[in-house]
Amino acid sequence: MLNILLFYAQYAKRNVYIKVEIKPYVLDDQPCDECGGERCAHRPAPFFCPHLSCLQYYCEKCWESIHASRAREDHKPLVKEA
């Protein structure tokens, strides 16, 4: 669980140490998990929040409203790379 929180995993074998970055796989054409597309004309949600308290896809409007609180201001969205 700590590896997921830190986004890294470390492996050691003999005298070789490997540090691997862990990133969630962001899918194409996912609906907003918060509004189901109602607030964004059913367009695919461009943002995925990898924070353990979220782990959801969000449209722009839902991202702004859900992540406006101080408790979530440190959350950074992942966006599907082209």
PDB file of N, CA and C in Angstrom:
ATOM      1  N   MET A   1       0.829  -1.191   0.000  1.00  0.00           N
ATOM      2  CA  MET A   1       0.000   0.000   0.000  1.00  0.00           C
ATOM      3  C   MET A   1       0.876   1.258   0.000  1.00  0.00           C
ATOM      4  N   LEU A   2       1.956   1.233   0.737  1.00  0.00           N
ATOM      5  CA  LEU A   2       2.844   2.393   0.783  1.00  0.00           C
ATOM      6  C   LEU A   2       3.415   2.695  -0.593  1.00  0.00           C
ATOM      7  N   ASN A   3       3.705   1.644  -1.373  1.00  0.00           N
ATOM      8  CA  ASN A   3       4.221   1.860  -2.729  1.00  0.00           C
ATOM      9  C   ASN A   3       3.235   2.644  -3.580  1.00  0.00           C
ATOM     10  N   ILE A   4       1.951   2.346  -3.444  1.00  0.00           N
ATOM     11  CA  ILE A   4       0.944   3.070  -4.216  1.00  0.00           C
ATOM     12  C   ILE A   4       0.898   4.524  -3.772  1.00  0.00           C
ATOM     13  N   LEU A   5       0.981   4.770  -2.485  1.00  0.00           N
ATOM     14  CA  LEU A   5       0.964   6.141  -1.981  1.00  0.00           C
ATOM     15  C   LEU A   5       2.150   6.947  -2.481  1.00  0.00           C
ATOM     16  N   LEU A   6       3.293   6.320  -2.572  1.00  0.00           N
ATOM     17  CA  LEU A   6       4.513   7.014  -2.986  1.00  0.00           C
ATOM     18  C   LEU A   6       4.721   6.997  -4.496  1.00  0.00           C
ATOM     19  N   PHE A   7       3.962   6.186  -5.226  1.00  0.00           N
ATOM     20  CA  PHE A   7       4.075   6.036  -6.678  1.00  0.00           C
ATOM     21  C   PHE A   7       5.410   5.437  -7.108  1.00  0.00           C
ATOM     22  N   TYR A   8       6.102   4.769  -6.184  1.00  0.00           N
ATOM     23  CA  TYR A   8       7.363   4.119  -6.518  1.00  0.00           C
ATOM     24  C   TYR A   8       7.451   2.773  -5.821  1.00  0.00           C
ATOM     25  N   ALA A   9       8.140   1.856  -6.452  1.00  0.00           N
ATOM     26  CA  ALA A   9       8.455   0.572  -5.839  1.00  0.00           C
ATOM     27  C   ALA A   9       9.958   0.373  -5.982  1.00  0.00           C
ATOM     28  N   GLN A  10      10.565  -0.178  -4.953  1.00  0.00           N
ATOM     29  CA  GLN A  10      12.003  -0.425  -4.998  1.00  0.00           C
ATOM     30  C   GLN A  10      12.258  -1.919  -4.874  1.00  0.00           C
ATOM     31  N   TYR A  11      13.198  -2.368  -5.664  1.00  0.00           N
ATOM     32  CA  TYR A  11      13.580  -3.763  -5.652  1.00  0.00           C
ATOM     33  C   TYR A  11      15.083  -3.841  -5.453  1.00  0.00           C
ATOM     34  N   ALA A  12      15.503  -4.827  -4.674  1.00  0.00           N
ATOM     35  CA  ALA A  12      16.930  -5.026  -4.452  1.00  0.00           C
ATOM     36  C   ALA A  12      17.252  -6.504  -4.657  1.00  0.00           C
ATOM     37  N   LYS A  13      18.301  -6.741  -5.417  1.00  0.00           N
ATOM     38  CA  LYS A  13      18.770  -8.101  -5.634  1.00  0.00           C
ATOM     39  C   LYS A  13      20.281  -8.045  -5.702  1.00  0.00           C
ATOM     40  N   ARG A  14      20.898  -8.726  -4.785  1.00  0.00           N
ATOM     41  CA  ARG A  14      22.350  -8.670  -4.618  1.00  0.00           C
ATOM     42  C   ARG A  14      22.764  -7.221  -4.406  1.00  0.00           C
ATOM     43  N   ASN A  15      23.588  -6.674  -5.277  1.00  0.00           N
ATOM     44  CA  ASN A  15      24.032  -5.287  -5.135  1.00  0.00           C
ATOM     45  C   ASN A  15      23.359  -4.355  -6.134  1.00  0.00           C
ATOM     46  N   VAL A  16      22.243  -4.773  -6.694  1.00  0.00           N
ATOM     47  CA  VAL A  16      21.533  -3.964  -7.682  1.00  0.00           C
ATOM     48  C   VAL A  16      20.223  -3.477  -7.072  1.00  0.00           C
ATOM     49  N   TYR A  17      20.027  -2.167  -7.114  1.00  0.00           N
ATOM     50  CA  TYR A  17      18.802  -1.567  -6.591  1.00  0.00           C
ATOM     51  C   TYR A  17      18.061  -0.891  -7.739  1.00  0.00           C
ATOM     52  N   ILE A  18      16.792  -1.198  -7.854  1.00  0.00           N
ATOM     53  CA  ILE A  18      15.977  -0.646  -8.931  1.00  0.00           C
ATOM     54  C   ILE A  18      14.792   0.082  -8.317  1.00  0.00           C
ATOM     55  N   LYS A  19      14.555   1.301  -8.788  1.00  0.00           N
ATOM     56  CA  LYS A  19      13.404   2.085  -8.355  1.00  0.00           C
ATOM     57  C   LYS A  19      12.496   2.272  -9.568  1.00  0.00           C
ATOM     58  N   VAL A  20      11.243   1.824  -9.450  1.00  0.00           N
ATOM     59  CA  VAL A  20      10.297   1.848 -10.560  1.00  0.00           C
ATOM     60  C   VAL A  20       9.145   2.782 -10.217  1.00  0.00           C
ATOM     61  N   GLU A  21       8.798   3.669 -11.158  1.00  0.00           N
ATOM     62  CA  GLU A  21       7.660   4.561 -10.957  1.00  0.00           C
ATOM     63  C   GLU A  21       6.371   3.818 -11.291  1.00  0.00           C
ATOM     64  N   ILE A  22       5.366   3.968 -10.434  1.00  0.00           N
ATOM     65  CA  ILE A  22       4.066   3.334 -10.638  1.00  0.00           C
ATOM     66  C   ILE A  22       3.075   4.407 -11.064  1.00  0.00           C
ATOM     67  N   LYS A  23       2.455   4.197 -12.236  1.00  0.00           N
ATOM     68  CA  LYS A  23       1.447   5.138 -12.727  1.00  0.00           C
ATOM     69  C   LYS A  23       0.192   4.359 -13.094  1.00  0.00           C
ATOM     70  N   PRO A  24      -0.966   4.895 -12.759  1.00  0.00           N
ATOM     71  CA  PRO A  24      -2.194   4.238 -13.209  1.00  0.00           C
ATOM     72  C   PRO A  24      -2.311   4.341 -14.723  1.00  0.00           C
ATOM     73  N   TYR A  25      -2.931   3.362 -15.320  1.00  0.00           N
ATOM     74  CA  TYR A  25      -3.189   3.402 -16.757  1.00  0.00           C
ATOM     75  C   TYR A  25      -4.474   4.188 -16.967  1.00  0.00           C
ATOM     76  N   VAL A  26      -4.409   5.268 -17.728  1.00  0.00           N
ATOM     77  CA  VAL A  26      -5.569   6.127 -17.971  1.00  0.00           C
ATOM     78  C   VAL A  26      -6.234   5.676 -19.270  1.00  0.00           C
ATOM     79  N   LEU A  27      -7.492   5.286 -19.171  1.00  0.00           N
ATOM     80  CA  LEU A  27      -8.237   4.772 -20.321  1.00  0.00           C
ATOM     81  C   LEU A  27      -8.849   5.891 -21.145  1.00  0.00           C
ATOM     82  N   ASP A  28      -9.074   5.621 -22.419  1.00  0.00           N
ATOM     83  CA  ASP A  28      -9.758   6.559 -23.314  1.00  0.00           C
ATOM     84  C   ASP A  28     -11.266   6.487 -23.103  1.00  0.00           C
ATOM     85  N   ASP A  29     -11.930   7.582 -23.411  1.00  0.00           N
ATOM     86  CA  ASP A  29     -13.394   7.636 -23.500  1.00  0.00           C
ATOM     87  C   ASP A  29     -14.130   7.145 -22.257  1.00  0.00           C
ATOM     88  N   GLN A  30     -13.610   7.472 -21.087  1.00  0.00           N
ATOM     89  CA  GLN A  30     -14.284   7.102 -19.842  1.00  0.00           C
ATOM     90  C   GLN A  30     -15.260   8.197 -19.442  1.00  0.00           C
ATOM     91  N   PRO A  31     -16.453   7.831 -18.985  1.00  0.00           N
ATOM     92  CA  PRO A  31     -17.397   8.850 -18.513  1.00  0.00           C
ATOM     93  C   PRO A  31     -16.952   9.381 -17.154  1.00  0.00           C
ATOM     94  N   CYS A  32     -17.417  10.543 -16.807  1.00  0.00           N
ATOM     95  CA  CYS A  32     -17.132  11.114 -15.495  1.00  0.00           C
ATOM     96  C   CYS A  32     -17.778  10.223 -14.435  1.00  0.00           C
ATOM     97  N   ASP A  33     -16.989   9.785 -13.464  1.00  0.00           N
ATOM     98  CA  ASP A  33     -17.509   8.931 -12.399  1.00  0.00           C
ATOM     99  C   ASP A  33     -18.383   9.702 -11.422  1.00  0.00           C
ATOM    100  N   GLU A  34     -18.245  10.996 -11.402  1.00  0.00           N
ATOM    101  CA  GLU A  34     -19.008  11.819 -10.453  1.00  0.00           C
ATOM    102  C   GLU A  34     -20.410  12.139 -10.974  1.00  0.00           C
ATOM    103  N   CYS A  35     -20.508  12.612 -12.208  1.00  0.00           N
ATOM    104  CA  CYS A  35     -21.817  13.041 -12.739  1.00  0.00           C
ATOM    105  C   CYS A  35     -22.364  12.115 -13.818  1.00  0.00           C
ATOM    106  N   GLY A  36     -21.577  11.132 -14.243  1.00  0.00           N
ATOM    107  CA  GLY A  36     -22.033  10.223 -15.284  1.00  0.00           C
ATOM    108  C   GLY A  36     -22.223  10.894 -16.632  1.00  0.00           C
ATOM    109  N   GLY A  37     -21.639  12.073 -16.797  1.00  0.00           N
ATOM    110  CA  GLY A  37     -21.731  12.799 -18.056  1.00  0.00           C
ATOM    111  C   GLY A  37     -22.817  13.856 -18.090  1.00  0.00           C
ATOM    112  N   GLU A  38     -23.591  13.968 -17.020  1.00  0.00           N
ATOM    113  CA  GLU A  38     -24.697  14.934 -16.984  1.00  0.00           C
ATOM    114  C   GLU A  38     -24.223  16.386 -17.029  1.00  0.00           C
ATOM    115  N   ARG A  39     -23.071  16.675 -16.433  1.00  0.00           N
ATOM    116  CA  ARG A  39     -22.578  18.054 -16.373  1.00  0.00           C
ATOM    117  C   ARG A  39     -21.669  18.414 -17.546  1.00  0.00           C
ATOM    118  N   CYS A  40     -21.359  17.445 -18.401  1.00  0.00           N
ATOM    119  CA  CYS A  40     -20.395  17.702 -19.483  1.00  0.00           C
ATOM    120  C   CYS A  40     -20.907  17.234 -20.839  1.00  0.00           C
ATOM    121  N   ALA A  41     -22.201  17.205 -21.013  1.00  0.00           N
ATOM    122  CA  ALA A  41     -22.821  16.801 -22.285  1.00  0.00           C
ATOM    123  C   ALA A  41     -22.364  15.407 -22.733  1.00  0.00           C
ATOM    124  N   HIS A  42     -22.095  14.546 -21.764  1.00  0.00           N
ATOM    125  CA  HIS A  42     -21.696  13.147 -22.005  1.00  0.00           C
ATOM    126  C   HIS A  42     -20.394  13.012 -22.791  1.00  0.00           C
ATOM    127  N   ARG A  43     -19.537  14.033 -22.711  1.00  0.00           N
ATOM    128  CA  ARG A  43     -18.200  13.932 -23.310  1.00  0.00           C
ATOM    129  C   ARG A  43     -17.323  13.082 -22.387  1.00  0.00           C
ATOM    130  N   PRO A  44     -16.294  12.434 -22.931  1.00  0.00           N
ATOM    131  CA  PRO A  44     -15.393  11.648 -22.084  1.00  0.00           C
ATOM    132  C   PRO A  44     -14.698  12.530 -21.045  1.00  0.00           C
ATOM    133  N   ALA A  45     -14.466  11.966 -19.890  1.00  0.00           N
ATOM    134  CA  ALA A  45     -13.799  12.690 -18.802  1.00  0.00           C
ATOM    135  C   ALA A  45     -12.298  12.755 -19.081  1.00  0.00           C
ATOM    136  N   PRO A  46     -11.712  13.950 -19.124  1.00  0.00           N
ATOM    137  CA  PRO A  46     -10.290  14.066 -19.454  1.00  0.00           C
ATOM    138  C   PRO A  46      -9.347  13.859 -18.267  1.00  0.00           C
ATOM    139  N   PHE A  47      -9.861  13.910 -17.041  1.00  0.00           N
ATOM    140  CA  PHE A  47      -8.999  13.846 -15.861  1.00  0.00           C
ATOM    141  C   PHE A  47      -9.216  12.563 -15.071  1.00  0.00           C
ATOM    142  N   PHE A  48      -8.100  12.011 -14.581  1.00  0.00           N
ATOM    143  CA  PHE A  48      -8.155  10.892 -13.645  1.00  0.00           C
ATOM    144  C   PHE A  48      -7.389  11.315 -12.410  1.00  0.00           C
ATOM    145  N   CYS A  49      -7.983  11.154 -11.240  1.00  0.00           N
ATOM    146  CA  CYS A  49      -7.292  11.488  -9.994  1.00  0.00           C
ATOM    147  C   CYS A  49      -6.690  10.213  -9.403  1.00  0.00           C
ATOM    148  N   PRO A  50      -5.349  10.141  -9.325  1.00  0.00           N
ATOM    149  CA  PRO A  50      -4.697   8.936  -8.826  1.00  0.00           C
ATOM    150  C   PRO A  50      -4.603   8.860  -7.307  1.00  0.00           C
ATOM    151  N   HIS A  51      -5.068   9.870  -6.610  1.00  0.00           N
ATOM    152  CA  HIS A  51      -4.998   9.861  -5.150  1.00  0.00           C
ATOM    153  C   HIS A  51      -5.901   8.758  -4.605  1.00  0.00           C
ATOM    154  N   LEU A  52      -5.452   8.058  -3.570  1.00  0.00           N
ATOM    155  CA  LEU A  52      -6.208   6.918  -3.049  1.00  0.00           C
ATOM    156  C   LEU A  52      -7.607   7.271  -2.568  1.00  0.00           C
ATOM    157  N   SER A  53      -7.836   8.494  -2.165  1.00  0.00           N
ATOM    158  CA  SER A  53      -9.177   8.869  -1.712  1.00  0.00           C
ATOM    159  C   SER A  53     -10.120   9.136  -2.883  1.00  0.00           C
ATOM    160  N   CYS A  54      -9.596   9.196  -4.099  1.00  0.00           N
ATOM    161  CA  CYS A  54     -10.421   9.459  -5.292  1.00  0.00           C
ATOM    162  C   CYS A  54     -10.450   8.249  -6.224  1.00  0.00           C
ATOM    163  N   LEU A  55      -9.367   8.050  -6.966  1.00  0.00           N
ATOM    164  CA  LEU A  55      -9.275   6.993  -7.973  1.00  0.00           C
ATOM    165  C   LEU A  55     -10.489   6.988  -8.897  1.00  0.00           C
ATOM    166  N   GLN A  56     -10.775   8.156  -9.480  1.00  0.00           N
ATOM    167  CA  GLN A  56     -11.928   8.310 -10.355  1.00  0.00           C
ATOM    168  C   GLN A  56     -11.582   9.179 -11.556  1.00  0.00           C
ATOM    169  N   TYR A  57     -12.429   9.060 -12.588  1.00  0.00           N
ATOM    170  CA  TYR A  57     -12.371   9.945 -13.745  1.00  0.00           C
ATOM    171  C   TYR A  57     -13.303  11.120 -13.489  1.00  0.00           C
ATOM    172  N   TYR A  58     -12.882  12.326 -13.935  1.00  0.00           N
ATOM    173  CA  TYR A  58     -13.664  13.538 -13.720  1.00  0.00           C
ATOM    174  C   TYR A  58     -13.723  14.378 -14.989  1.00  0.00           C
ATOM    175  N   CYS A  59     -14.898  14.973 -15.244  1.00  0.00           N
ATOM    176  CA  CYS A  59     -14.998  15.999 -16.280  1.00  0.00           C
ATOM    177  C   CYS A  59     -14.439  17.296 -15.681  1.00  0.00           C
ATOM    178  N   GLU A  60     -14.285  18.325 -16.500  1.00  0.00           N
ATOM    179  CA  GLU A  60     -13.715  19.584 -16.014  1.00  0.00           C
ATOM    180  C   GLU A  60     -14.542  20.186 -14.876  1.00  0.00           C
ATOM    181  N   LYS A  61     -15.859  20.204 -15.039  1.00  0.00           N
ATOM    182  CA  LYS A  61     -16.722  20.821 -14.025  1.00  0.00           C
ATOM    183  C   LYS A  61     -16.663  20.072 -12.702  1.00  0.00           C
ATOM    184  N   CYS A  62     -16.710  18.755 -12.759  1.00  0.00           N
ATOM    185  CA  CYS A  62     -16.647  17.973 -11.519  1.00  0.00           C
ATOM    186  C   CYS A  62     -15.268  18.064 -10.874  1.00  0.00           C
ATOM    187  N   TRP A  63     -14.207  18.087 -11.702  1.00  0.00           N
ATOM    188  CA  TRP A  63     -12.864  18.234 -11.126  1.00  0.00           C
ATOM    189  C   TRP A  63     -12.791  19.532 -10.333  1.00  0.00           C
ATOM    190  N   GLU A  64     -13.237  20.614 -10.940  1.00  0.00           N
ATOM    191  CA  GLU A  64     -13.168  21.918 -10.276  1.00  0.00           C
ATOM    192  C   GLU A  64     -13.991  21.949  -8.996  1.00  0.00           C
ATOM    193  N   SER A  65     -15.172  21.387  -9.006  1.00  0.00           N
ATOM    194  CA  SER A  65     -16.015  21.445  -7.807  1.00  0.00           C
ATOM    195  C   SER A  65     -15.535  20.487  -6.719  1.00  0.00           C
ATOM    196  N   ILE A  66     -15.151  19.277  -7.079  1.00  0.00           N
ATOM    197  CA  ILE A  66     -14.713  18.285  -6.087  1.00  0.00           C
ATOM    198  C   ILE A  66     -13.342  18.639  -5.519  1.00  0.00           C
ATOM    199  N   HIS A  67     -12.451  19.138  -6.341  1.00  0.00           N
ATOM    200  CA  HIS A  67     -11.081  19.402  -5.903  1.00  0.00           C
ATOM    201  C   HIS A  67     -10.846  20.854  -5.481  1.00  0.00           C
ATOM    202  N   ALA A  68     -11.909  21.598  -5.270  1.00  0.00           N
ATOM    203  CA  ALA A  68     -11.776  22.976  -4.787  1.00  0.00           C
ATOM    204  C   ALA A  68     -11.552  23.018  -3.278  1.00  0.00           C
ATOM    205  N   SER A  69     -11.829  21.934  -2.592  1.00  0.00           N
ATOM    206  CA  SER A  69     -11.687  21.921  -1.130  1.00  0.00           C
ATOM    207  C   SER A  69     -10.215  21.847  -0.730  1.00  0.00           C
ATOM    208  N   ARG A  70      -9.918  22.334   0.450  1.00  0.00           N
ATOM    209  CA  ARG A  70      -8.533  22.299   0.953  1.00  0.00           C
ATOM    210  C   ARG A  70      -8.030  20.871   1.107  1.00  0.00           C
ATOM    211  N   ALA A  71      -8.934  19.963   1.429  1.00  0.00           N
ATOM    212  CA  ALA A  71      -8.540  18.565   1.634  1.00  0.00           C
ATOM    213  C   ALA A  71      -8.016  17.923   0.352  1.00  0.00           C
ATOM    214  N   ARG A  72      -8.416  18.451  -0.795  1.00  0.00           N
ATOM    215  CA  ARG A  72      -8.011  17.851  -2.070  1.00  0.00           C
ATOM    216  C   ARG A  72      -7.199  18.789  -2.950  1.00  0.00           C
ATOM    217  N   GLU A  73      -6.761  19.914  -2.417  1.00  0.00           N
ATOM    218  CA  GLU A  73      -6.034  20.876  -3.243  1.00  0.00           C
ATOM    219  C   GLU A  73      -4.676  20.355  -3.704  1.00  0.00           C
ATOM    220  N   ASP A  74      -4.143  19.341  -3.031  1.00  0.00           N
ATOM    221  CA  ASP A  74      -2.851  18.781  -3.438  1.00  0.00           C
ATOM    222  C   ASP A  74      -2.991  17.668  -4.482  1.00  0.00           C
ATOM    223  N   HIS A  75      -4.216  17.292  -4.843  1.00  0.00           N
ATOM    224  CA  HIS A  75      -4.433  16.268  -5.867  1.00  0.00           C
ATOM    225  C   HIS A  75      -4.095  16.838  -7.242  1.00  0.00           C
ATOM    226  N   LYS A  76      -3.364  16.083  -8.019  1.00  0.00           N
ATOM    227  CA  LYS A  76      -2.977  16.487  -9.374  1.00  0.00           C
ATOM    228  C   LYS A  76      -3.568  15.498 -10.364  1.00  0.00           C
ATOM    229  N   PRO A  77      -4.292  15.983 -11.382  1.00  0.00           N
ATOM    230  CA  PRO A  77      -4.922  15.058 -12.322  1.00  0.00           C
ATOM    231  C   PRO A  77      -3.928  14.434 -13.293  1.00  0.00           C
ATOM    232  N   LEU A  78      -4.216  13.215 -13.684  1.00  0.00           N
ATOM    233  CA  LEU A  78      -3.496  12.585 -14.783  1.00  0.00           C
ATOM    234  C   LEU A  78      -4.352  12.753 -16.023  1.00  0.00           C
ATOM    235  N   VAL A  79      -3.702  13.037 -17.134  1.00  0.00           N
ATOM    236  CA  VAL A  79      -4.390  13.225 -18.404  1.00  0.00           C
ATOM    237  C   VAL A  79      -3.791  12.231 -19.388  1.00  0.00           C
ATOM    238  N   LYS A  80      -4.629  11.606 -20.182  1.00  0.00           N
ATOM    239  CA  LYS A  80      -4.162  10.627 -21.173  1.00  0.00           C
ATOM    240  C   LYS A  80      -3.171  11.290 -22.120  1.00  0.00           C
ATOM    241  N   GLU A  81      -1.988  10.690 -22.231  1.00  0.00           N
ATOM    242  CA  GLU A  81      -0.967  11.216 -23.133  1.00  0.00           C
ATOM    243  C   GLU A  81      -1.274  10.769 -24.551  1.00  0.00           C
ATOM    244  N   ALA A  82      -1.061  11.667 -25.491  1.00  0.00           N
ATOM    245  CA  ALA A  82      -1.342  11.343 -26.904  1.00  0.00           C
ATOM    246  C   ALA A  82      -0.276  10.460 -27.493  1.00  0.00           C
TER     247      ALA A  82
END
